[in-house]
Amino acid sequence: MFADMLALAPGDGTTLVRVHLTVGGASGTNVTLVNDDRLEATFREVSAVLERAGRGRYQTQLEGDAAGEVNVWLSRGPEDTAAGGTAELPEPFITVLETDARAGIERGSDVEVSWAPSVPGGSLRWTVEGRCLWTRSGSTPDDGSLTLGPESFDVRATRAGEECDVAVTLERASEYAVDSDWLPGSSFRAVQRRGVSFVSVPEPSEPGRTGAEETGDIAAPVERN
């Protein structure tokens, strides 16, 4: 079988463990566990059985999101050898929006986000998403500071002149190999995900700009830890 495993800590004090099982590779036939088949996860000495969450997908939510080892294994009865995987959840972190967003942030301005850095030489994955923007993503050194320029806030032509809520998401991740009992390519990712949100407003030269001086209604920023 092929296994795609994920341990995700979104910053709410819990860790979601999700496994997708297929036969024949990543795009193969989804696996349905029956009878004595069982997927279990252990994190910080707490174990839980993963429940079916879709075709070939199983998941459970465990308390805690501190750095530590996450173990997952599949058992299929007393006559079968258990197969599993282990991943190390990275250090958690808190994100802070350093740019003043009380009146929204114009799309022609830089946006700065900070956090506590981790291991030297590491990196984070960042993503910018918003209803009025094209999604942008990239990587940045895990050095505690990220400045996103105007090119990261590319307005959709059909949304020019509009305001919208924008989320900047950061992921500190690590990927591990799993037991050789799984098909080659199977893996286990462990991710700490955090981010900040704010209102993106048009810059003065943007076509169709309505602006705060016309609407008088700009939402306050919200930080997501």
Protein backbone atom coordinates (compact mmCIF):
# COMPACT_ATOMS: atom_id res chain seq x y z
CA MET A 1 0.00 0.00 0.00
CA PHE A 2 0.93 3.65 -0.47
CA ALA A 3 0.61 5.95 2.54
CA ASP A 4 0.46 9.75 2.62
CA MET A 5 0.67 10.76 6.30
CA LEU A 6 0.30 14.21 7.83
CA ALA A 7 0.55 15.62 11.36
CA LEU A 8 -0.73 19.21 11.36
CA ALA A 9 -0.69 21.64 14.30
CA PRO A 10 -2.73 24.73 13.31
CA GLY A 11 -2.07 26.73 16.46
CA ASP A 12 -5.17 25.86 18.50
CA GLY A 13 -3.38 23.54 20.93
CA THR A 14 -4.17 20.35 19.03
CA THR A 15 -2.52 18.20 16.35
CA LEU A 16 -4.50 16.65 13.52
CA VAL A 17 -3.18 13.31 12.26
CA ARG A 18 -4.41 12.33 8.79
CA VAL A 19 -3.54 9.32 6.61
CA HIS A 20 -4.52 8.61 3.01
CA LEU A 21 -4.13 4.96 1.94
CA THR A 22 -4.14 3.74 -1.66
CA VAL A 23 -3.17 0.64 -3.59
CA GLY A 24 -0.89 1.04 -6.61
CA GLY A 25 0.71 4.38 -5.73
CA ALA A 26 -0.32 7.93 -4.91
CA SER A 27 -3.07 7.95 -7.58
CA GLY A 28 -4.14 4.37 -6.98
CA THR A 29 -7.32 2.85 -5.60
CA ASN A 30 -8.45 4.13 -2.21
CA VAL A 31 -8.25 1.63 0.65
CA THR A 32 -11.16 0.87 2.98
CA LEU A 33 -10.14 -0.67 6.30
CA VAL A 34 -12.38 -3.53 7.48
CA ASN A 35 -12.60 -6.11 10.25
CA ASP A 36 -9.36 -6.11 12.28
CA ASP A 37 -7.72 -3.34 10.19
CA ARG A 38 -6.81 -0.40 12.39
CA LEU A 39 -4.83 2.82 12.12
CA GLU A 40 -3.54 4.32 15.37
CA ALA A 41 -1.57 7.44 16.23
CA THR A 42 0.49 8.27 19.30
CA PHE A 43 1.68 11.73 20.31
CA ARG A 44 3.17 12.66 23.68
CA GLU A 45 2.14 9.29 25.18
CA VAL A 46 -1.50 9.67 24.09
CA SER A 47 -2.90 7.22 21.53
CA ALA A 48 -6.04 7.35 19.40
CA VAL A 49 -7.61 5.33 16.59
CA LEU A 50 -7.98 7.16 13.28
CA GLU A 51 -11.56 7.26 12.02
CA ARG A 52 -12.66 7.18 8.39
CA ALA A 53 -13.01 10.71 6.98
CA GLY A 54 -13.47 9.99 3.26
CA ARG A 55 -12.35 7.62 0.53
CA GLY A 56 -9.11 6.11 1.75
CA ARG A 57 -8.75 8.91 4.31
CA TYR A 58 -8.54 8.46 8.08
CA GLN A 59 -7.89 11.01 10.79
CA THR A 60 -7.91 11.85 14.47
CA GLN A 61 -7.23 14.95 16.56
CA LEU A 62 -4.85 14.76 19.52
CA GLU A 63 -4.33 17.26 22.32
CA GLY A 64 -1.10 19.26 22.35
CA ASP A 65 1.08 20.86 19.67
CA ALA A 66 4.53 21.06 21.28
CA ALA A 67 7.51 19.72 19.36
CA GLY A 68 7.67 15.96 19.63
CA GLU A 69 7.49 12.60 17.95
CA VAL A 70 4.29 11.48 16.22
CA ASN A 71 3.88 7.77 15.47
CA VAL A 72 1.32 6.15 13.17
CA TRP A 73 0.91 2.45 12.50
CA LEU A 74 -1.48 0.16 10.66
CA SER A 75 -2.32 -3.25 12.12
CA ARG A 76 -4.32 -5.82 10.13
CA GLY A 77 -4.84 -8.66 12.54
CA PRO A 78 -2.56 -11.07 14.44
CA GLU A 79 -1.13 -12.70 11.29
CA ASP A 80 0.04 -9.45 9.69
CA THR A 81 3.08 -7.31 10.52
CA ALA A 82 2.20 -3.75 11.56
CA ALA A 83 3.48 -1.00 9.24
CA GLY A 84 3.96 2.56 10.36
CA GLY A 85 5.85 5.81 10.26
CA THR A 86 7.37 8.37 12.60
CA ALA A 87 7.70 12.13 12.18
CA GLU A 88 9.04 14.89 14.43
CA LEU A 89 6.61 17.79 14.81
CA PRO A 90 8.67 21.02 14.56
CA GLU A 91 8.81 23.73 17.19
CA PRO A 92 5.56 25.76 17.44
CA PHE A 93 5.69 29.51 16.88
CA ILE A 94 3.58 32.66 17.10
CA THR A 95 3.22 35.06 14.17
CA VAL A 96 2.98 38.85 14.56
CA LEU A 97 1.87 41.29 11.86
CA GLU A 98 4.42 44.11 12.16
CA THR A 99 2.87 46.36 9.50
CA ASP A 100 0.22 48.79 10.77
CA ALA A 101 -3.09 47.41 9.47
CA ARG A 102 -5.57 49.50 11.45
CA ALA A 103 -6.78 51.22 8.27
CA GLY A 104 -6.08 48.24 6.02
CA ILE A 105 -2.88 47.74 4.01
CA GLU A 106 -2.62 49.16 0.52
CA ARG A 107 -1.59 46.68 -2.13
CA GLY A 108 1.36 48.85 -3.12
CA SER A 109 2.90 48.52 0.35
CA ASP A 110 5.21 45.95 1.91
CA VAL A 111 3.82 43.61 4.56
CA GLU A 112 6.12 42.42 7.35
CA VAL A 113 5.49 39.36 9.52
CA SER A 114 7.68 38.19 12.40
CA TRP A 115 8.00 35.05 14.53
CA ALA A 116 10.50 33.31 16.81
CA PRO A 117 13.10 31.58 14.57
CA SER A 118 13.96 27.90 14.96
CA VAL A 119 16.93 25.84 13.80
CA PRO A 120 19.48 27.87 11.76
CA GLY A 121 19.36 26.96 8.09
CA GLY A 122 15.68 26.00 8.14
CA SER A 123 12.95 27.50 6.01
CA LEU A 124 9.24 28.26 6.10
CA ARG A 125 6.64 28.01 3.36
CA TRP A 126 4.43 31.10 2.96
CA THR A 127 1.11 31.56 1.15
CA VAL A 128 -0.97 34.67 0.43
CA GLU A 129 -4.69 34.15 -0.18
CA GLY A 130 -7.62 36.53 -0.55
CA ARG A 131 -10.88 36.75 -2.50
CA CYS A 132 -9.65 39.73 -4.52
CA LEU A 133 -6.07 38.48 -5.04
CA TRP A 134 -4.28 35.78 -6.97
CA THR A 135 -2.84 33.16 -4.62
CA ARG A 136 0.92 33.50 -4.24
CA SER A 137 3.39 31.26 -2.37
CA GLY A 138 7.08 30.74 -1.79
CA SER A 139 9.70 29.90 0.83
CA THR A 140 11.69 32.05 3.22
CA PRO A 141 14.54 31.40 5.71
CA ASP A 142 13.35 30.54 9.21
CA ASP A 143 15.10 33.62 10.61
CA GLY A 144 12.14 35.31 12.28
CA SER A 145 11.17 37.91 9.68
CA LEU A 146 9.40 37.97 6.30
CA THR A 147 8.74 41.04 4.16
CA LEU A 148 6.31 40.54 1.28
CA GLY A 149 6.45 43.17 -1.45
CA PRO A 150 3.56 44.48 -3.58
CA GLU A 151 4.14 41.71 -6.14
CA SER A 152 2.82 39.21 -3.58
CA PHE A 153 -0.55 41.01 -3.48
CA ASP A 154 -1.57 40.79 -7.13
CA VAL A 155 -5.19 41.91 -7.52
CA ARG A 156 -7.49 40.00 -9.84
CA ALA A 157 -8.58 42.16 -12.77
CA THR A 158 -12.25 41.48 -12.03
CA ARG A 159 -11.73 42.57 -8.39
CA ALA A 160 -9.72 45.74 -9.04
CA GLY A 161 -10.73 48.53 -6.68
CA GLU A 162 -12.16 46.15 -4.07
CA GLU A 163 -11.14 45.48 -0.49
CA CYS A 164 -10.89 41.92 0.81
CA ASP A 165 -9.67 39.91 3.77
CA VAL A 166 -6.23 38.44 3.18
CA ALA A 167 -4.52 35.58 5.02
CA VAL A 168 -0.74 35.18 5.11
CA THR A 169 0.01 31.62 6.20
CA LEU A 170 3.40 30.30 7.34
CA GLU A 171 4.30 26.62 7.63
CA ARG A 172 7.27 25.14 9.43
CA ALA A 173 7.43 21.59 8.11
CA SER A 174 9.57 18.47 8.00
CA GLU A 175 9.16 15.31 5.93
CA TYR A 176 10.16 11.78 6.86
CA ALA A 177 10.34 8.40 5.19
CA VAL A 178 8.09 5.64 6.51
CA ASP A 179 8.59 1.91 7.05
CA SER A 180 9.81 -0.05 4.04
CA ASP A 181 6.57 -2.08 4.19
CA TRP A 182 4.87 0.86 2.42
CA LEU A 183 5.28 1.48 -1.31
CA PRO A 184 8.19 3.74 -2.35
CA GLY A 185 7.24 7.39 -2.25
CA SER A 186 5.12 7.04 0.88
CA SER A 187 5.93 9.78 3.36
CA PHE A 188 5.02 11.44 6.65
CA ARG A 189 4.90 15.26 6.87
CA ALA A 190 4.78 17.10 10.20
CA VAL A 191 3.67 20.75 10.01
CA GLN A 192 3.28 23.71 12.35
CA ARG A 193 0.93 26.18 10.60
CA ARG A 194 0.38 29.78 11.72
CA GLY A 195 -0.59 33.05 10.10
CA VAL A 196 -1.96 36.58 10.21
CA SER A 197 -4.95 38.24 8.55
CA PHE A 198 -5.69 41.81 7.50
CA VAL A 199 -7.77 43.84 5.05
CA SER A 200 -6.14 44.50 1.69
CA VAL A 201 -7.21 47.84 0.19
CA PRO A 202 -6.58 49.28 -3.30
CA GLU A 203 -3.66 51.57 -3.86
CA PRO A 204 -4.53 55.09 -5.15
CA SER A 205 -3.71 54.28 -8.78
CA GLU A 206 -5.71 51.04 -8.90
CA PRO A 207 -8.56 51.07 -11.47
CA GLY A 208 -12.01 51.01 -9.92
CA ARG A 209 -10.69 52.09 -6.52
CA THR A 210 -13.40 52.90 -4.01
CA GLY A 211 -11.14 53.51 -0.98
CA ALA A 212 -11.80 54.17 2.67
CA GLU A 213 -12.56 57.84 2.10
CA GLU A 214 -15.56 56.78 0.01
CA THR A 215 -16.80 53.73 1.91
CA GLY A 216 -15.78 54.70 5.43
CA ASP A 217 -15.84 51.04 6.35
CA ILE A 218 -12.55 49.20 6.86
CA ALA A 219 -12.42 46.19 9.15
CA ALA A 220 -9.87 45.94 11.95
CA PRO A 221 -7.02 43.45 11.43
CA VAL A 222 -7.15 40.02 12.99
CA GLU A 223 -4.00 38.11 13.98
CA ARG A 224 -4.01 34.31 13.87
CA ASN A 225 -1.59 32.50 16.13
